[in-house]
N, C-alpha and C. Protein backbone atom coordinates (compact mmCIF):
# COMPACT_ATOMS: atom_id res chain seq x y z
N MET A 1 -133.18 -74.78 -75.39
CA MET A 1 -132.30 -74.77 -74.72
C MET A 1 -131.31 -76.02 -74.00
N LEU A 2 -130.10 -75.94 -74.07
CA LEU A 2 -129.32 -77.32 -73.72
C LEU A 2 -129.53 -76.93 -72.48
N THR A 3 -129.39 -78.27 -71.50
CA THR A 3 -129.05 -77.76 -70.10
C THR A 3 -127.95 -78.70 -69.70
N LEU A 4 -126.99 -78.02 -69.12
CA LEU A 4 -125.68 -78.76 -68.73
C LEU A 4 -125.64 -79.00 -67.05
N THR A 5 -124.78 -80.37 -66.83
CA THR A 5 -124.54 -80.35 -65.14
C THR A 5 -123.66 -79.59 -65.03
N VAL A 6 -123.55 -79.47 -63.84
CA VAL A 6 -122.58 -78.94 -62.85
C VAL A 6 -120.99 -79.23 -63.20
N LEU A 7 -120.62 -80.57 -63.65
CA LEU A 7 -119.38 -81.24 -64.14
C LEU A 7 -119.29 -80.86 -65.65
N GLN A 8 -120.16 -80.71 -66.02
CA GLN A 8 -120.26 -80.60 -67.40
C GLN A 8 -119.67 -78.87 -67.75
N ARG A 9 -120.30 -78.01 -66.80
CA ARG A 9 -120.23 -76.94 -66.73
C ARG A 9 -118.79 -76.40 -66.37
N LYS A 10 -118.26 -77.14 -65.35
CA LYS A 10 -117.12 -77.30 -64.75
C LYS A 10 -116.06 -77.35 -65.86
N ASN A 11 -116.24 -78.43 -66.74
CA ASN A 11 -115.30 -78.78 -67.59
C ASN A 11 -114.99 -77.67 -68.84
N LEU A 12 -116.36 -77.23 -69.17
CA LEU A 12 -116.27 -76.26 -70.58
C LEU A 12 -115.76 -74.96 -69.95
N LYS A 13 -115.76 -74.46 -68.69
CA LYS A 13 -115.57 -73.37 -68.50
C LYS A 13 -113.83 -73.68 -68.23
N ALA A 14 -113.13 -74.50 -67.88
CA ALA A 14 -111.63 -74.67 -67.78
C ALA A 14 -111.29 -74.71 -69.45
N ARG A 15 -112.01 -75.40 -70.39
CA ARG A 15 -111.78 -75.09 -71.87
C ARG A 15 -111.84 -73.63 -72.27
N ALA A 16 -112.76 -73.03 -71.81
CA ALA A 16 -113.23 -71.61 -72.43
C ALA A 16 -112.20 -71.01 -71.79
N HIS A 17 -111.25 -71.02 -70.89
CA HIS A 17 -110.54 -69.90 -69.68
C HIS A 17 -109.49 -69.12 -70.84
N PRO A 18 -108.77 -69.92 -71.38
CA PRO A 18 -107.75 -69.54 -72.81
C PRO A 18 -108.33 -68.37 -73.64
N LEU A 19 -109.65 -68.87 -74.21
CA LEU A 19 -110.18 -68.22 -75.60
C LEU A 19 -110.48 -66.99 -75.64
N LYS A 20 -110.32 -66.36 -76.54
CA LYS A 20 -110.62 -64.60 -76.94
C LYS A 20 -112.02 -64.83 -77.27
N PRO A 21 -112.93 -63.46 -77.28
CA PRO A 21 -114.07 -63.29 -77.53
C PRO A 21 -113.94 -63.51 -79.28
N THR A 22 -115.21 -64.43 -79.83
CA THR A 22 -115.10 -64.31 -81.10
C THR A 22 -116.18 -63.60 -81.58
N VAL A 23 -117.39 -63.24 -80.84
CA VAL A 23 -118.25 -62.05 -81.14
C VAL A 23 -118.69 -61.26 -80.19
N MET A 24 -118.83 -60.00 -80.71
CA MET A 24 -118.98 -59.04 -79.84
C MET A 24 -120.67 -58.51 -80.09
N ILE A 25 -121.39 -58.11 -79.33
CA ILE A 25 -122.57 -57.31 -79.16
C ILE A 25 -122.40 -56.12 -79.00
N GLY A 26 -122.73 -55.25 -80.01
CA GLY A 26 -122.41 -53.69 -79.54
C GLY A 26 -123.90 -52.88 -79.16
N ASN A 27 -123.89 -51.80 -79.32
CA ASN A 27 -125.15 -51.06 -78.92
C ASN A 27 -126.28 -51.19 -79.31
N ALA A 28 -126.51 -51.94 -80.72
CA ALA A 28 -127.59 -52.09 -81.20
C ALA A 28 -128.50 -53.58 -80.79
N GLY A 29 -127.68 -54.17 -79.56
CA GLY A 29 -128.11 -55.43 -78.93
C GLY A 29 -128.14 -56.35 -79.86
N LEU A 30 -128.64 -57.47 -79.54
CA LEU A 30 -129.01 -58.84 -80.03
C LEU A 30 -130.08 -58.73 -81.53
N THR A 31 -129.20 -58.32 -82.59
CA THR A 31 -129.65 -58.49 -83.88
C THR A 31 -129.68 -59.51 -84.62
N VAL A 32 -130.45 -59.63 -85.88
CA VAL A 32 -130.60 -61.08 -86.62
C VAL A 32 -129.12 -61.53 -87.05
N SER A 33 -128.60 -60.61 -87.70
CA SER A 33 -127.03 -60.61 -88.40
C SER A 33 -125.96 -60.93 -86.86
N VAL A 34 -126.10 -60.50 -85.95
CA VAL A 34 -125.52 -61.08 -84.94
C VAL A 34 -125.66 -62.40 -84.28
N LEU A 35 -126.84 -63.15 -84.34
CA LEU A 35 -127.69 -64.30 -83.83
C LEU A 35 -127.25 -64.94 -85.04
N ASP A 36 -126.90 -64.83 -85.98
CA ASP A 36 -126.39 -65.40 -87.43
C ASP A 36 -124.86 -65.80 -87.37
N GLU A 37 -124.38 -64.54 -86.49
CA GLU A 37 -122.84 -64.94 -86.53
C GLU A 37 -122.54 -65.83 -85.20
N ILE A 38 -123.27 -65.75 -84.10
CA ILE A 38 -122.91 -66.66 -83.12
C ILE A 38 -123.22 -68.10 -83.66
N ALA A 39 -124.30 -68.26 -84.51
CA ALA A 39 -124.48 -69.79 -84.92
C ALA A 39 -123.41 -70.33 -85.80
N ARG A 40 -122.77 -69.28 -86.51
CA ARG A 40 -121.87 -69.77 -87.37
C ARG A 40 -120.46 -70.06 -86.50
N ALA A 41 -120.07 -69.14 -85.42
CA ALA A 41 -119.07 -69.56 -84.56
C ALA A 41 -119.51 -70.78 -83.87
N LEU A 42 -120.57 -71.10 -83.40
CA LEU A 42 -120.70 -72.19 -82.56
C LEU A 42 -120.63 -73.18 -83.54
N LYS A 43 -121.12 -73.22 -84.97
CA LYS A 43 -120.95 -74.32 -85.79
C LYS A 43 -119.52 -74.87 -85.79
N SER A 44 -118.58 -73.67 -85.87
CA SER A 44 -117.03 -74.26 -86.27
C SER A 44 -116.37 -74.29 -84.94
N HIS A 45 -116.88 -73.95 -83.90
CA HIS A 45 -115.92 -73.79 -82.69
C HIS A 45 -116.40 -74.60 -81.68
N GLU A 46 -117.88 -74.56 -81.55
CA GLU A 46 -118.52 -75.37 -80.50
C GLU A 46 -118.77 -74.69 -79.22
N LEU A 47 -117.70 -73.94 -78.91
CA LEU A 47 -117.77 -73.36 -77.46
C LEU A 47 -116.76 -71.96 -77.75
N ILE A 48 -117.74 -70.65 -77.24
CA ILE A 48 -117.18 -69.58 -77.89
C ILE A 48 -117.52 -68.47 -76.37
N LYS A 49 -116.74 -67.68 -76.66
CA LYS A 49 -116.97 -66.29 -75.77
C LYS A 49 -117.50 -65.21 -76.78
N ILE A 50 -118.37 -64.44 -76.15
CA ILE A 50 -119.26 -63.58 -76.55
C ILE A 50 -119.23 -62.40 -75.38
N ARG A 51 -118.65 -61.07 -76.13
CA ARG A 51 -118.44 -59.92 -75.57
C ARG A 51 -119.51 -58.90 -75.77
N VAL A 52 -120.35 -58.52 -74.61
CA VAL A 52 -121.37 -57.84 -74.63
C VAL A 52 -121.10 -56.21 -74.01
N MET A 53 -121.16 -55.16 -75.13
CA MET A 53 -121.12 -53.76 -74.88
C MET A 53 -122.33 -53.38 -73.89
N ASN A 54 -122.78 -53.81 -73.08
CA ASN A 54 -124.00 -53.02 -72.28
C ASN A 54 -123.81 -53.06 -70.62
N ASP A 55 -123.90 -52.04 -69.87
CA ASP A 55 -123.91 -52.21 -68.67
C ASP A 55 -124.68 -52.69 -67.94
N ASP A 56 -125.60 -53.09 -68.41
CA ASP A 56 -126.98 -53.76 -67.39
C ASP A 56 -126.81 -54.93 -67.59
N ARG A 57 -126.75 -55.65 -66.23
CA ARG A 57 -126.46 -56.93 -66.04
C ARG A 57 -127.44 -57.67 -66.29
N GLU A 58 -129.10 -57.07 -66.20
CA GLU A 58 -130.52 -57.89 -66.48
C GLU A 58 -130.22 -58.25 -68.06
N ALA A 59 -129.86 -57.04 -68.76
CA ALA A 59 -130.14 -57.28 -70.16
C ALA A 59 -128.83 -58.13 -70.70
N ARG A 60 -128.06 -58.35 -70.26
CA ARG A 60 -126.90 -59.06 -70.50
C ARG A 60 -127.43 -60.38 -70.11
N ALA A 61 -127.98 -60.69 -69.01
CA ALA A 61 -128.47 -62.10 -68.87
C ALA A 61 -129.90 -62.57 -69.67
N ALA A 62 -130.35 -61.53 -70.07
CA ALA A 62 -131.60 -61.52 -71.02
C ALA A 62 -130.94 -62.04 -72.53
N MET A 63 -130.25 -61.54 -73.02
CA MET A 63 -129.22 -61.53 -73.99
C MET A 63 -128.74 -63.40 -74.17
N LEU A 64 -128.03 -63.66 -72.79
CA LEU A 64 -127.77 -65.14 -72.91
C LEU A 64 -128.56 -66.01 -72.99
N ASN A 65 -129.93 -65.62 -72.47
CA ASN A 65 -131.00 -66.60 -72.03
C ASN A 65 -131.82 -66.58 -73.77
N GLU A 66 -131.80 -65.60 -74.42
CA GLU A 66 -132.34 -65.42 -75.76
C GLU A 66 -131.48 -66.15 -76.86
N ILE A 67 -130.01 -66.27 -76.91
CA ILE A 67 -128.65 -66.77 -77.42
C ILE A 67 -129.20 -68.10 -77.45
N CYS A 68 -129.29 -68.42 -76.24
CA CYS A 68 -129.09 -70.11 -75.81
C CYS A 68 -130.67 -70.68 -76.36
N THR A 69 -131.87 -70.01 -76.16
CA THR A 69 -133.09 -70.57 -76.87
C THR A 69 -133.18 -70.48 -78.12
N GLN A 70 -132.79 -69.49 -78.77
CA GLN A 70 -132.47 -69.57 -80.37
C GLN A 70 -132.08 -70.65 -80.90
N LEU A 71 -130.91 -70.67 -80.36
CA LEU A 71 -129.88 -71.54 -81.18
C LEU A 71 -129.61 -73.07 -80.34
N ASN A 72 -130.30 -73.23 -79.42
CA ASN A 72 -130.43 -74.79 -78.82
C ASN A 72 -129.10 -74.71 -77.85
N ALA A 73 -128.89 -73.75 -77.58
CA ALA A 73 -127.11 -73.88 -76.77
C ALA A 73 -127.16 -74.07 -75.21
N GLY A 74 -126.23 -74.15 -74.57
CA GLY A 74 -126.32 -74.30 -73.41
C GLY A 74 -125.19 -72.72 -72.70
N ALA A 75 -125.88 -72.25 -71.85
CA ALA A 75 -125.17 -71.30 -71.14
C ALA A 75 -123.91 -71.78 -69.95
N VAL A 76 -122.77 -71.55 -70.32
CA VAL A 76 -121.87 -71.86 -69.66
C VAL A 76 -121.64 -71.02 -68.27
N GLN A 77 -121.41 -70.00 -68.91
CA GLN A 77 -120.55 -69.01 -67.93
C GLN A 77 -121.52 -67.51 -67.73
N HIS A 78 -121.63 -66.70 -67.13
CA HIS A 78 -121.73 -65.24 -67.52
C HIS A 78 -121.07 -64.33 -66.52
N ILE A 79 -119.83 -63.87 -66.73
CA ILE A 79 -119.16 -63.33 -65.94
C ILE A 79 -118.84 -62.04 -66.51
N GLY A 80 -119.18 -61.21 -65.66
CA GLY A 80 -118.71 -59.30 -66.05
C GLY A 80 -119.80 -59.39 -67.52
N LYS A 81 -118.90 -58.96 -68.48
CA LYS A 81 -119.70 -58.36 -69.76
C LYS A 81 -119.35 -59.64 -70.99
N ILE A 82 -118.71 -60.82 -70.55
CA ILE A 82 -118.35 -62.07 -71.05
C ILE A 82 -119.47 -62.99 -70.93
N LEU A 83 -119.97 -63.78 -71.62
CA LEU A 83 -121.07 -64.98 -71.92
C LEU A 83 -120.30 -65.91 -72.67
N VAL A 84 -120.36 -67.03 -72.19
CA VAL A 84 -119.73 -68.07 -72.60
C VAL A 84 -120.73 -69.33 -73.20
N VAL A 85 -120.89 -69.61 -74.44
CA VAL A 85 -121.99 -70.52 -75.01
C VAL A 85 -121.33 -71.77 -75.52
N TYR A 86 -122.08 -72.99 -75.35
CA TYR A 86 -121.71 -74.08 -75.82
C TYR A 86 -123.04 -74.39 -76.80
N GLN A 87 -122.38 -75.28 -77.81
CA GLN A 87 -123.38 -76.09 -78.46
C GLN A 87 -122.53 -77.27 -79.17
N PRO A 88 -123.05 -78.39 -78.63
CA PRO A 88 -122.20 -79.27 -79.35
C PRO A 88 -122.27 -79.75 -80.81
N GLN A 89 -121.23 -80.20 -81.39
CA GLN A 89 -121.29 -80.35 -82.93
C GLN A 89 -121.87 -81.86 -83.20
N GLU A 90 -122.70 -81.77 -84.29
CA GLU A 90 -123.23 -83.27 -84.76
C GLU A 90 -121.99 -83.88 -85.12
N ASP A 91 -122.15 -85.52 -84.91
CA ASP A 91 -121.14 -86.20 -85.14
C ASP A 91 -120.89 -86.11 -86.86
N ILE A 92 -119.81 -85.75 -87.30
CA ILE A 92 -119.44 -85.91 -88.62
C ILE A 92 -118.80 -87.11 -89.01
N PRO A 93 -119.11 -87.99 -90.11
CA PRO A 93 -118.85 -89.30 -90.27
C PRO A 93 -117.18 -88.84 -90.92
N LEU A 94 -116.48 -90.09 -90.52
CA LEU A 94 -115.09 -89.86 -90.93
C LEU A 94 -114.82 -90.29 -92.25
N LYS A 95 -114.03 -89.88 -93.04
CA LYS A 95 -113.81 -90.20 -94.29
C LYS A 95 -112.85 -91.50 -94.41
N LYS A 96 -112.89 -92.38 -95.18
CA LYS A 96 -111.60 -93.20 -94.91
C LYS A 96 -110.42 -92.91 -95.56
N ILE A 97 -109.58 -93.52 -95.01
CA ILE A 97 -108.53 -92.79 -95.27
C ILE A 97 -107.68 -93.74 -96.48
N PRO A 98 -107.38 -93.30 -97.63
CA PRO A 98 -106.76 -94.10 -98.75
C PRO A 98 -105.56 -94.88 -98.58
N LYS A 99 -105.38 -96.09 -99.00
CA LYS A 99 -104.02 -97.01 -98.44
C LYS A 99 -102.92 -96.07 -99.23
N GLN A 100 -101.93 -96.27 -98.56
CA GLN A 100 -100.55 -95.54 -99.29
C GLN A 100 -100.21 -96.55 -100.34
N ARG A 101 -99.63 -95.69 -101.48
CA ARG A 101 -99.01 -96.72 -102.42
C ARG A 101 -97.64 -96.32 -102.45
N GLY A 102 -96.67 -97.40 -102.66
CA GLY A 102 -95.40 -97.48 -103.03
C GLY A 102 -94.84 -97.49 -101.28
N LYS A 103 -93.21 -97.21 -101.20
CA LYS A 103 -92.90 -97.48 -99.67
C LYS A 103 -93.34 -96.61 -99.02
N PRO A 104 -93.04 -96.95 -97.64
CA PRO A 104 -93.79 -95.66 -96.42
C PRO A 104 -92.63 -94.80 -96.25
N LEU A 105 -93.27 -93.51 -95.75
CA LEU A 105 -92.59 -92.06 -95.70
C LEU A 105 -91.69 -92.62 -94.47
N THR A 106 -90.61 -91.80 -94.55
CA THR A 106 -89.66 -91.63 -93.56
C THR A 106 -90.41 -90.46 -92.22
N LYS A 107 -89.40 -90.74 -91.05
CA LYS A 107 -90.08 -89.40 -90.27
C LYS A 107 -89.61 -88.17 -90.80
N LYS A 108 -88.75 -88.01 -91.70
CA LYS A 108 -88.30 -86.81 -91.82
C LYS A 108 -89.26 -86.37 -92.89
N GLN A 109 -89.67 -87.06 -93.74
CA GLN A 109 -90.60 -86.94 -94.98
C GLN A 109 -91.91 -86.38 -93.95
N LEU A 110 -92.52 -86.98 -93.14
CA LEU A 110 -93.55 -87.10 -92.23
C LEU A 110 -93.85 -85.71 -91.68
N GLY A 111 -92.54 -85.23 -91.32
CA GLY A 111 -92.30 -83.99 -90.69
C GLY A 111 -92.46 -82.88 -91.17
N SER A 112 -92.10 -82.78 -92.62
CA SER A 112 -91.82 -81.90 -93.31
C SER A 112 -93.45 -81.64 -93.88
N ARG A 113 -94.55 -82.65 -93.77
CA ARG A 113 -95.97 -82.43 -94.31
C ARG A 113 -96.48 -81.38 -93.65
């Protein structure tokens, strides 16, 4: 489980504020397929919101703890039925940009791309 400092959580909360929930956990609870979907969402987005359709606060807290331990993610926030989870992405090496041949493009040509 990833531990976050107070300053990191504060910054991540600010980044997560405009986000919409990407994964929903229904009445069946935290299943393997839901965990797989959360893992895919974290891999592509790094910071996600999860909506839990459960009225029991302790059950939601247990789900958040289980998600973070299973996926090695950090719990950012648990407010109401919304969970915010963060998993830093691995550094992906950037490809070399090929040199441009011919004359350079104008601003108008670059804008249309």
